[in-house]
N, C-alpha and C. Protein backbone atom coordinates (compact mmCIF):
# COMPACT_ATOMS: atom_id res chain seq x y z
N UNK A 1 4.65 52.89 33.48
CA UNK A 1 4.26 53.84 34.49
C UNK A 1 3.69 53.13 35.71
N UNK A 2 3.93 53.68 36.85
CA UNK A 2 3.36 53.14 38.08
C UNK A 2 4.14 52.00 38.68
N UNK A 3 5.15 51.47 37.95
CA UNK A 3 5.93 50.36 38.47
C UNK A 3 6.69 50.71 39.74
N UNK A 4 6.97 51.99 39.91
CA UNK A 4 7.70 52.46 41.09
C UNK A 4 6.94 52.19 42.37
N UNK A 5 5.62 52.05 42.26
CA UNK A 5 4.80 51.88 43.45
C UNK A 5 5.08 50.56 44.17
N UNK A 6 5.51 49.57 43.47
CA UNK A 6 5.74 48.27 44.08
C UNK A 6 7.23 48.01 44.34
N UNK A 7 7.99 49.06 44.45
CA UNK A 7 9.41 48.90 44.72
C UNK A 7 9.79 49.59 46.01
N UNK A 8 10.91 49.20 46.53
CA UNK A 8 11.59 49.85 47.64
C UNK A 8 10.73 50.42 48.75
N UNK A 9 10.72 51.76 48.82
CA UNK A 9 10.06 52.48 49.92
C UNK A 9 8.57 52.19 49.97
N UNK A 10 7.94 52.03 48.80
CA UNK A 10 6.50 51.76 48.79
C UNK A 10 6.20 50.42 49.45
N UNK A 11 6.96 49.40 49.09
CA UNK A 11 6.75 48.07 49.68
C UNK A 11 6.98 48.11 51.19
N UNK A 12 7.99 48.87 51.60
CA UNK A 12 8.28 48.99 53.03
C UNK A 12 7.13 49.68 53.77
N UNK A 13 6.61 50.77 53.20
CA UNK A 13 5.47 51.47 53.82
C UNK A 13 4.23 50.57 53.85
N UNK A 14 4.01 49.84 52.78
CA UNK A 14 2.86 48.94 52.71
C UNK A 14 2.98 47.85 53.78
N UNK A 15 4.16 47.30 53.94
CA UNK A 15 4.38 46.26 54.96
C UNK A 15 4.19 46.84 56.36
N UNK A 16 4.67 48.07 56.59
CA UNK A 16 4.52 48.70 57.89
C UNK A 16 3.04 48.96 58.19
N UNK A 17 2.31 49.44 57.20
CA UNK A 17 0.88 49.71 57.38
C UNK A 17 0.13 48.42 57.69
N UNK A 18 0.47 47.35 57.00
CA UNK A 18 -0.16 46.05 57.25
C UNK A 18 0.15 45.57 58.66
N UNK A 19 1.38 45.76 59.10
CA UNK A 19 1.78 45.36 60.46
C UNK A 19 1.01 46.18 61.49
N UNK A 20 0.92 47.50 61.28
CA UNK A 20 0.19 48.35 62.21
C UNK A 20 -1.29 47.99 62.25
N UNK A 21 -1.87 47.69 61.09
CA UNK A 21 -3.27 47.29 61.02
C UNK A 21 -3.49 45.99 61.79
N UNK A 22 -2.59 45.05 61.64
CA UNK A 22 -2.71 43.78 62.37
C UNK A 22 -2.61 44.02 63.87
N UNK A 23 -1.74 44.93 64.28
CA UNK A 23 -1.60 45.23 65.71
C UNK A 23 -2.87 45.88 66.25
N UNK A 24 -3.47 46.80 65.50
CA UNK A 24 -4.72 47.42 65.93
C UNK A 24 -5.80 46.36 66.09
N UNK A 25 -5.92 45.49 65.09
CA UNK A 25 -6.93 44.43 65.15
C UNK A 25 -6.72 43.55 66.38
N UNK A 26 -5.48 43.17 66.64
CA UNK A 26 -5.17 42.33 67.80
C UNK A 26 -5.54 43.03 69.11
N UNK A 27 -5.20 44.30 69.23
CA UNK A 27 -5.50 45.05 70.46
C UNK A 27 -7.01 45.21 70.66
N UNK A 28 -7.72 45.49 69.59
CA UNK A 28 -9.17 45.66 69.70
C UNK A 28 -9.83 44.34 70.10
N UNK A 29 -9.38 43.25 69.52
CA UNK A 29 -9.94 41.94 69.88
C UNK A 29 -9.65 41.63 71.35
N UNK A 30 -8.45 41.91 71.81
CA UNK A 30 -8.14 41.71 73.23
C UNK A 30 -9.02 42.58 74.12
N UNK A 31 -9.26 43.79 73.69
CA UNK A 31 -10.14 44.69 74.45
C UNK A 31 -11.57 44.14 74.48
N UNK A 32 -12.05 43.64 73.35
CA UNK A 32 -13.39 43.06 73.29
C UNK A 32 -13.52 41.86 74.21
N UNK A 33 -12.52 41.03 74.22
CA UNK A 33 -12.58 39.81 75.05
C UNK A 33 -12.46 40.13 76.53
N UNK A 34 -11.85 41.26 76.86
CA UNK A 34 -11.75 41.70 78.25
C UNK A 34 -10.78 40.88 79.07
N UNK A 35 -10.79 41.18 80.36
CA UNK A 35 -9.96 40.43 81.29
C UNK A 35 -8.61 41.04 81.57
N UNK A 36 -8.23 42.08 80.87
CA UNK A 36 -6.93 42.70 81.11
C UNK A 36 -6.96 43.55 82.38
N UNK A 37 -7.90 44.48 82.46
CA UNK A 37 -7.95 45.37 83.61
C UNK A 37 -9.18 45.11 84.47
N UNK A 38 -9.96 44.12 84.11
CA UNK A 38 -11.20 43.84 84.84
C UNK A 38 -11.64 42.41 84.56
N UNK A 39 -12.65 41.96 85.24
CA UNK A 39 -13.19 40.62 85.02
C UNK A 39 -13.75 40.52 83.61
N UNK A 40 -13.53 39.38 82.97
CA UNK A 40 -14.12 39.18 81.65
C UNK A 40 -15.53 38.62 81.79
N UNK A 41 -16.21 38.45 80.68
CA UNK A 41 -17.59 37.99 80.69
C UNK A 41 -17.73 36.65 81.41
N UNK A 42 -16.85 35.71 81.08
CA UNK A 42 -16.96 34.37 81.67
C UNK A 42 -16.87 34.42 83.20
N UNK A 43 -15.94 35.19 83.71
CA UNK A 43 -15.81 35.30 85.17
C UNK A 43 -17.02 36.00 85.77
N UNK A 44 -17.53 37.01 85.09
CA UNK A 44 -18.65 37.79 85.64
C UNK A 44 -19.94 36.98 85.75
N UNK A 45 -20.15 36.02 84.85
CA UNK A 45 -21.41 35.27 84.88
C UNK A 45 -21.26 33.85 85.43
N UNK A 46 -20.04 33.43 85.69
CA UNK A 46 -19.80 32.06 86.13
C UNK A 46 -20.42 31.78 87.51
N UNK A 47 -21.18 30.70 87.55
CA UNK A 47 -21.71 30.15 88.81
C UNK A 47 -22.57 31.13 89.62
N UNK A 48 -23.29 32.01 88.94
CA UNK A 48 -24.24 32.84 89.70
C UNK A 48 -25.38 31.93 90.12
N UNK A 49 -25.64 31.83 91.40
CA UNK A 49 -26.72 30.94 91.85
C UNK A 49 -28.05 31.30 91.19
N UNK A 50 -28.77 30.27 90.77
CA UNK A 50 -30.05 30.46 90.07
C UNK A 50 -30.97 31.40 90.86
N UNK A 51 -31.03 31.24 92.16
CA UNK A 51 -31.92 32.04 92.99
C UNK A 51 -31.54 33.51 93.10
N UNK A 52 -30.32 33.87 92.68
CA UNK A 52 -29.88 35.26 92.76
C UNK A 52 -29.90 35.98 91.41
N UNK A 53 -30.14 35.25 90.35
CA UNK A 53 -30.07 35.84 89.01
C UNK A 53 -31.11 36.94 88.80
N UNK A 54 -32.24 36.84 89.44
CA UNK A 54 -33.29 37.84 89.29
C UNK A 54 -33.46 38.74 90.48
N UNK A 55 -32.50 38.70 91.38
CA UNK A 55 -32.60 39.49 92.62
C UNK A 55 -31.89 40.83 92.47
N UNK A 56 -32.58 41.89 92.86
CA UNK A 56 -31.97 43.23 92.90
C UNK A 56 -31.51 43.48 94.32
N UNK A 57 -30.20 43.65 94.52
CA UNK A 57 -29.73 43.96 95.87
C UNK A 57 -30.32 45.28 96.35
N UNK A 58 -30.41 45.43 97.64
CA UNK A 58 -30.95 46.67 98.21
C UNK A 58 -30.16 47.86 97.66
N UNK A 59 -30.89 48.83 97.15
CA UNK A 59 -30.28 50.04 96.61
C UNK A 59 -29.84 49.94 95.16
N UNK A 60 -29.90 48.74 94.59
CA UNK A 60 -29.48 48.56 93.19
C UNK A 60 -30.67 48.69 92.25
N UNK A 61 -30.42 49.22 91.11
CA UNK A 61 -31.48 49.44 90.12
C UNK A 61 -31.75 48.18 89.29
N UNK A 62 -30.76 47.28 89.22
CA UNK A 62 -30.88 46.12 88.33
C UNK A 62 -30.47 44.82 89.03
N UNK A 63 -30.94 43.73 88.46
CA UNK A 63 -30.54 42.39 88.89
C UNK A 63 -29.47 41.87 87.93
N UNK A 64 -28.78 40.79 88.29
CA UNK A 64 -27.83 40.20 87.33
C UNK A 64 -28.50 39.86 85.99
N UNK A 65 -29.73 39.35 86.01
CA UNK A 65 -30.44 39.04 84.78
C UNK A 65 -30.64 40.29 83.91
N UNK A 66 -31.04 41.36 84.52
CA UNK A 66 -31.27 42.58 83.75
C UNK A 66 -29.97 43.09 83.12
N UNK A 67 -28.88 43.00 83.85
CA UNK A 67 -27.60 43.43 83.30
C UNK A 67 -27.15 42.50 82.19
N UNK A 68 -27.29 41.20 82.39
CA UNK A 68 -26.92 40.23 81.35
C UNK A 68 -27.71 40.49 80.07
N UNK A 69 -29.01 40.62 80.18
CA UNK A 69 -29.85 40.85 79.01
C UNK A 69 -29.52 42.18 78.34
N UNK A 70 -29.25 43.20 79.14
CA UNK A 70 -28.86 44.49 78.58
C UNK A 70 -27.54 44.36 77.80
N UNK A 71 -26.59 43.66 78.37
CA UNK A 71 -25.32 43.42 77.68
C UNK A 71 -25.57 42.71 76.34
N UNK A 72 -26.38 41.67 76.38
CA UNK A 72 -26.65 40.88 75.17
C UNK A 72 -27.34 41.73 74.11
N UNK A 73 -28.39 42.42 74.49
CA UNK A 73 -29.17 43.20 73.53
C UNK A 73 -28.33 44.32 72.92
N UNK A 74 -27.61 45.05 73.75
CA UNK A 74 -26.80 46.17 73.25
C UNK A 74 -25.68 45.67 72.33
N UNK A 75 -25.01 44.60 72.71
CA UNK A 75 -23.93 44.07 71.88
C UNK A 75 -24.49 43.58 70.54
N UNK A 76 -25.62 42.87 70.58
CA UNK A 76 -26.27 42.40 69.36
C UNK A 76 -26.63 43.58 68.46
N UNK A 77 -27.19 44.63 69.05
CA UNK A 77 -27.61 45.79 68.28
C UNK A 77 -26.41 46.46 67.60
N UNK A 78 -25.33 46.63 68.32
CA UNK A 78 -24.13 47.26 67.75
C UNK A 78 -23.58 46.40 66.62
N UNK A 79 -23.48 45.08 66.85
CA UNK A 79 -22.98 44.17 65.83
C UNK A 79 -23.85 44.21 64.58
N UNK A 80 -25.15 44.11 64.77
CA UNK A 80 -26.06 44.10 63.61
C UNK A 80 -26.02 45.43 62.87
N UNK A 81 -25.94 46.53 63.59
CA UNK A 81 -25.80 47.83 62.93
C UNK A 81 -24.55 47.84 62.07
N UNK A 82 -23.46 47.29 62.59
CA UNK A 82 -22.17 47.32 61.89
C UNK A 82 -22.19 46.50 60.61
N UNK A 83 -22.98 45.43 60.57
CA UNK A 83 -22.89 44.53 59.42
C UNK A 83 -24.17 44.40 58.60
N UNK A 84 -25.25 45.02 59.02
CA UNK A 84 -26.51 44.82 58.32
C UNK A 84 -27.21 46.15 58.07
N UNK A 85 -27.22 46.62 56.82
CA UNK A 85 -27.86 47.91 56.54
C UNK A 85 -29.37 47.91 56.77
N UNK A 86 -29.98 46.75 56.84
CA UNK A 86 -31.43 46.66 57.06
C UNK A 86 -31.80 46.60 58.54
N UNK A 87 -30.80 46.53 59.42
CA UNK A 87 -31.06 46.38 60.85
C UNK A 87 -31.82 47.56 61.42
N UNK A 88 -32.79 47.25 62.27
CA UNK A 88 -33.54 48.27 63.00
C UNK A 88 -33.26 48.08 64.49
N UNK A 89 -32.75 49.09 65.13
CA UNK A 89 -32.44 49.02 66.56
C UNK A 89 -33.71 49.00 67.39
N UNK A 90 -33.64 48.39 68.58
CA UNK A 90 -34.79 48.43 69.48
C UNK A 90 -35.08 49.87 69.92
N UNK A 91 -36.28 50.09 70.41
CA UNK A 91 -36.63 51.40 70.97
C UNK A 91 -35.73 51.66 72.18
N UNK A 92 -35.28 52.90 72.31
CA UNK A 92 -34.41 53.26 73.42
C UNK A 92 -35.22 54.06 74.44
N UNK A 93 -35.07 53.76 75.71
CA UNK A 93 -34.23 52.74 76.32
C UNK A 93 -34.94 51.40 76.56
N UNK A 94 -36.26 51.38 76.49
CA UNK A 94 -37.01 50.18 76.89
C UNK A 94 -36.59 48.92 76.14
N UNK A 95 -36.27 49.04 74.88
CA UNK A 95 -35.93 47.87 74.08
C UNK A 95 -34.58 47.26 74.40
N UNK A 96 -33.82 47.91 75.25
CA UNK A 96 -32.49 47.42 75.62
C UNK A 96 -32.46 46.73 76.98
N UNK A 97 -33.62 46.57 77.58
CA UNK A 97 -33.71 45.95 78.90
C UNK A 97 -34.82 44.91 78.90
N UNK A 98 -34.68 43.84 79.69
CA UNK A 98 -35.75 42.86 79.77
C UNK A 98 -36.97 43.43 80.49
N UNK A 99 -38.10 42.75 80.32
CA UNK A 99 -39.36 43.23 80.93
C UNK A 99 -39.36 43.13 82.44
N UNK A 100 -38.66 42.15 82.98
CA UNK A 100 -38.67 41.95 84.43
C UNK A 100 -37.29 41.64 84.97
N UNK A 101 -37.17 41.56 86.29
CA UNK A 101 -35.87 41.37 86.92
C UNK A 101 -35.30 39.96 86.85
N UNK A 102 -36.15 38.96 86.51
CA UNK A 102 -35.69 37.57 86.55
C UNK A 102 -35.95 36.86 85.23
N UNK A 103 -35.06 35.94 84.86
CA UNK A 103 -35.34 35.12 83.68
C UNK A 103 -36.51 34.17 84.00
N UNK A 104 -37.21 33.75 82.96
CA UNK A 104 -38.35 32.84 83.16
C UNK A 104 -37.89 31.51 83.74
N UNK A 105 -36.67 31.10 83.36
CA UNK A 105 -36.14 29.81 83.80
C UNK A 105 -34.63 29.76 83.50
N UNK A 106 -34.01 28.67 83.87
CA UNK A 106 -32.57 28.53 83.64
C UNK A 106 -32.23 28.54 82.16
N UNK A 107 -33.11 27.99 81.33
CA UNK A 107 -32.85 27.96 79.88
C UNK A 107 -32.76 29.37 79.31
N UNK A 108 -33.60 30.25 79.79
CA UNK A 108 -33.57 31.63 79.29
C UNK A 108 -32.24 32.29 79.65
N UNK A 109 -31.76 32.07 80.86
CA UNK A 109 -30.45 32.58 81.27
C UNK A 109 -29.36 32.00 80.36
N UNK A 110 -29.37 30.67 80.21
CA UNK A 110 -28.35 30.00 79.40
C UNK A 110 -28.37 30.48 77.95
N UNK A 111 -29.56 30.71 77.42
CA UNK A 111 -29.69 31.20 76.04
C UNK A 111 -29.09 32.59 75.91
N UNK A 112 -29.31 33.44 76.89
CA UNK A 112 -28.76 34.79 76.86
C UNK A 112 -27.23 34.75 76.93
N UNK A 113 -26.70 33.91 77.82
CA UNK A 113 -25.23 33.76 77.93
C UNK A 113 -24.66 33.27 76.60
N UNK A 114 -25.29 32.26 76.01
CA UNK A 114 -24.83 31.69 74.74
C UNK A 114 -24.87 32.75 73.63
N UNK A 115 -25.97 33.49 73.54
CA UNK A 115 -26.10 34.52 72.51
C UNK A 115 -25.05 35.61 72.67
N UNK A 116 -24.78 36.02 73.91
CA UNK A 116 -23.74 37.02 74.14
C UNK A 116 -22.40 36.51 73.62
N UNK A 117 -22.07 35.26 73.97
CA UNK A 117 -20.79 34.68 73.52
C UNK A 117 -20.70 34.64 72.00
N UNK A 118 -21.77 34.21 71.34
CA UNK A 118 -21.77 34.10 69.88
C UNK A 118 -21.62 35.47 69.22
N UNK A 119 -22.32 36.47 69.73
CA UNK A 119 -22.19 37.81 69.15
C UNK A 119 -20.82 38.42 69.42
N UNK A 120 -20.24 38.11 70.57
CA UNK A 120 -18.88 38.58 70.84
C UNK A 120 -17.90 37.94 69.86
N UNK A 121 -18.05 36.65 69.63
CA UNK A 121 -17.19 35.97 68.63
C UNK A 121 -17.36 36.61 67.26
N UNK A 122 -18.60 36.91 66.90
CA UNK A 122 -18.86 37.52 65.60
C UNK A 122 -18.23 38.90 65.49
N UNK A 123 -18.30 39.70 66.54
CA UNK A 123 -17.66 41.02 66.51
C UNK A 123 -16.15 40.87 66.38
N UNK A 124 -15.58 39.93 67.13
CA UNK A 124 -14.13 39.68 67.03
C UNK A 124 -13.76 39.22 65.62
N UNK A 125 -14.58 38.37 65.02
CA UNK A 125 -14.31 37.88 63.66
C UNK A 125 -14.38 39.03 62.66
N UNK A 126 -15.34 39.93 62.84
CA UNK A 126 -15.47 41.09 61.96
C UNK A 126 -14.21 41.96 62.04
N UNK A 127 -13.73 42.18 63.24
CA UNK A 127 -12.51 42.98 63.43
C UNK A 127 -11.29 42.25 62.87
N UNK A 128 -11.22 40.94 63.06
CA UNK A 128 -10.06 40.17 62.61
C UNK A 128 -9.99 40.02 61.10
N UNK A 129 -11.11 40.08 60.43
CA UNK A 129 -11.18 39.89 58.98
C UNK A 129 -10.43 41.01 58.27
N UNK A 130 -9.35 40.66 57.59
CA UNK A 130 -8.52 41.66 56.93
C UNK A 130 -9.25 42.39 55.82
N UNK A 131 -10.35 41.83 55.33
CA UNK A 131 -11.12 42.53 54.30
C UNK A 131 -12.03 43.60 54.90
N UNK A 132 -12.16 43.62 56.23
CA UNK A 132 -12.93 44.66 56.90
C UNK A 132 -12.07 45.90 57.04
N UNK A 133 -12.51 46.99 56.45
CA UNK A 133 -11.81 48.26 56.61
C UNK A 133 -12.30 48.88 57.92
N UNK A 134 -11.45 48.83 58.91
CA UNK A 134 -11.82 49.33 60.23
C UNK A 134 -12.10 50.83 60.27
N UNK A 135 -11.55 51.55 59.30
CA UNK A 135 -11.59 53.02 59.34
C UNK A 135 -12.61 53.63 58.39
N UNK A 136 -13.17 52.83 57.50
CA UNK A 136 -14.15 53.36 56.53
C UNK A 136 -15.48 53.62 57.23
N UNK A 137 -16.14 54.67 56.81
CA UNK A 137 -17.47 54.97 57.36
C UNK A 137 -18.43 53.86 56.95
N UNK A 138 -19.27 53.45 57.88
CA UNK A 138 -20.30 52.47 57.59
C UNK A 138 -21.32 53.17 56.69
N UNK A 139 -21.56 52.62 55.49
CA UNK A 139 -22.39 53.33 54.51
C UNK A 139 -23.78 53.72 55.02
N UNK A 140 -24.39 52.91 55.85
CA UNK A 140 -25.74 53.20 56.33
C UNK A 140 -25.75 53.94 57.68
N UNK A 141 -24.59 54.35 58.13
CA UNK A 141 -24.49 55.09 59.38
C UNK A 141 -24.40 56.59 59.14
N UNK A 142 -23.99 57.29 60.19
CA UNK A 142 -23.79 58.73 60.04
C UNK A 142 -22.42 59.12 60.59
N UNK A 143 -21.42 58.41 60.10
CA UNK A 143 -20.04 58.71 60.48
C UNK A 143 -19.36 57.59 61.25
N UNK A 144 -20.10 56.59 61.69
CA UNK A 144 -19.50 55.49 62.45
C UNK A 144 -18.61 54.63 61.55
N UNK A 145 -17.64 53.98 62.20
CA UNK A 145 -16.76 53.02 61.53
C UNK A 145 -16.84 51.70 62.29
N UNK A 146 -16.33 50.66 61.69
CA UNK A 146 -16.29 49.36 62.38
C UNK A 146 -15.40 49.49 63.62
N UNK A 147 -14.30 50.22 63.50
CA UNK A 147 -13.43 50.42 64.67
C UNK A 147 -14.21 51.10 65.80
N UNK A 148 -14.94 52.12 65.49
CA UNK A 148 -15.72 52.83 66.51
C UNK A 148 -16.75 51.90 67.14
N UNK A 149 -17.43 51.08 66.35
CA UNK A 149 -18.45 50.18 66.88
C UNK A 149 -17.82 49.09 67.75
N UNK A 150 -16.66 48.60 67.36
CA UNK A 150 -15.96 47.60 68.18
C UNK A 150 -15.51 48.21 69.51
N UNK A 151 -14.99 49.42 69.48
CA UNK A 151 -14.57 50.09 70.71
C UNK A 151 -15.77 50.42 71.59
N UNK A 152 -16.87 50.83 70.98
CA UNK A 152 -18.10 51.08 71.73
C UNK A 152 -18.57 49.81 72.42
N UNK A 153 -18.52 48.69 71.72
CA UNK A 153 -18.90 47.40 72.30
C UNK A 153 -18.02 47.07 73.49
N UNK A 154 -16.72 47.21 73.32
CA UNK A 154 -15.78 46.89 74.41
C UNK A 154 -16.03 47.81 75.61
N UNK A 155 -16.23 49.08 75.36
CA UNK A 155 -16.46 50.05 76.43
C UNK A 155 -17.76 49.74 77.17
N UNK A 156 -18.83 49.52 76.43
CA UNK A 156 -20.13 49.23 77.03
C UNK A 156 -20.07 47.94 77.83
N UNK A 157 -19.45 46.91 77.25
CA UNK A 157 -19.34 45.63 77.96
C UNK A 157 -18.54 45.78 79.25
N UNK A 158 -17.43 46.50 79.20
CA UNK A 158 -16.59 46.66 80.38
C UNK A 158 -17.37 47.35 81.51
N UNK A 159 -18.11 48.38 81.16
CA UNK A 159 -18.89 49.10 82.16
C UNK A 159 -19.89 48.18 82.85
N UNK A 160 -20.66 47.44 82.04
CA UNK A 160 -21.71 46.61 82.62
C UNK A 160 -21.17 45.32 83.24
N UNK A 161 -20.03 44.84 82.80
CA UNK A 161 -19.41 43.69 83.49
C UNK A 161 -18.95 44.13 84.88
N UNK A 162 -18.47 45.35 85.00
CA UNK A 162 -18.14 45.88 86.32
C UNK A 162 -19.38 45.98 87.19
N UNK A 163 -20.47 46.39 86.58
CA UNK A 163 -21.74 46.45 87.30
C UNK A 163 -22.18 45.05 87.75
N UNK A 164 -21.97 44.05 86.90
CA UNK A 164 -22.33 42.67 87.25
C UNK A 164 -21.50 42.20 88.45
N UNK A 165 -20.22 42.50 88.45
CA UNK A 165 -19.37 42.12 89.58
C UNK A 165 -19.84 42.81 90.86
N UNK A 166 -20.18 44.08 90.77
CA UNK A 166 -20.68 44.80 91.94
C UNK A 166 -21.98 44.17 92.45
N UNK A 167 -22.90 43.85 91.56
CA UNK A 167 -24.15 43.19 91.97
C UNK A 167 -23.84 41.87 92.67
N UNK A 168 -22.92 41.12 92.12
CA UNK A 168 -22.55 39.85 92.74
C UNK A 168 -21.95 40.04 94.12
N UNK A 169 -21.16 41.07 94.28
CA UNK A 169 -20.59 41.37 95.61
C UNK A 169 -21.70 41.72 96.59
N UNK A 170 -22.63 42.55 96.16
CA UNK A 170 -23.75 42.93 97.02
C UNK A 170 -24.62 41.73 97.38
N UNK A 171 -24.69 40.77 96.48
CA UNK A 171 -25.48 39.55 96.72
C UNK A 171 -24.65 38.46 97.41
N UNK A 172 -23.40 38.80 97.73
CA UNK A 172 -22.47 37.85 98.37
C UNK A 172 -22.28 36.60 97.51
N UNK A 173 -22.17 36.83 96.21
CA UNK A 173 -21.98 35.73 95.24
C UNK A 173 -20.75 35.95 94.39
N UNK A 174 -19.76 36.62 94.94
CA UNK A 174 -18.51 36.87 94.22
C UNK A 174 -17.37 36.33 95.07
N UNK A 175 -16.39 35.80 94.42
CA UNK A 175 -15.25 35.19 95.12
C UNK A 175 -14.49 36.17 95.99
């Protein structure tokens, strides 16, 4: 009994499902990495002059530093929620933004950039891992899935990377 499951049409459906799953994973990873329809993270933060990192352009609510830190904190929070049932999110909204408009020094900026990159790699690895069920509800959530969290990360990052480019334009620090 049950031998029919591994023959003919079943194997074909299984192969098709695996192919579709691989395509979804590939598309989500490309979306996370950005750069298709907008500037990616590397372009958005590349060569921002140290003296402008903490500057809020006239009429702008945030500085490049504030946007960078917000990107880092939010991405970290989403990633940790997705993979760690013990994770506690920061208080909203204050916990998602730095205390001031400027980093304490260049090292703090560099650390934030590095952390963002590492967490982005980790999110991509989570999505790429075939043992990750993208569609299963996260047990400690309230209906979220890994797919939803990855798409939320990509959406949030794209929005704020656009904001970073706009800040750079206002500061005359964009190509």
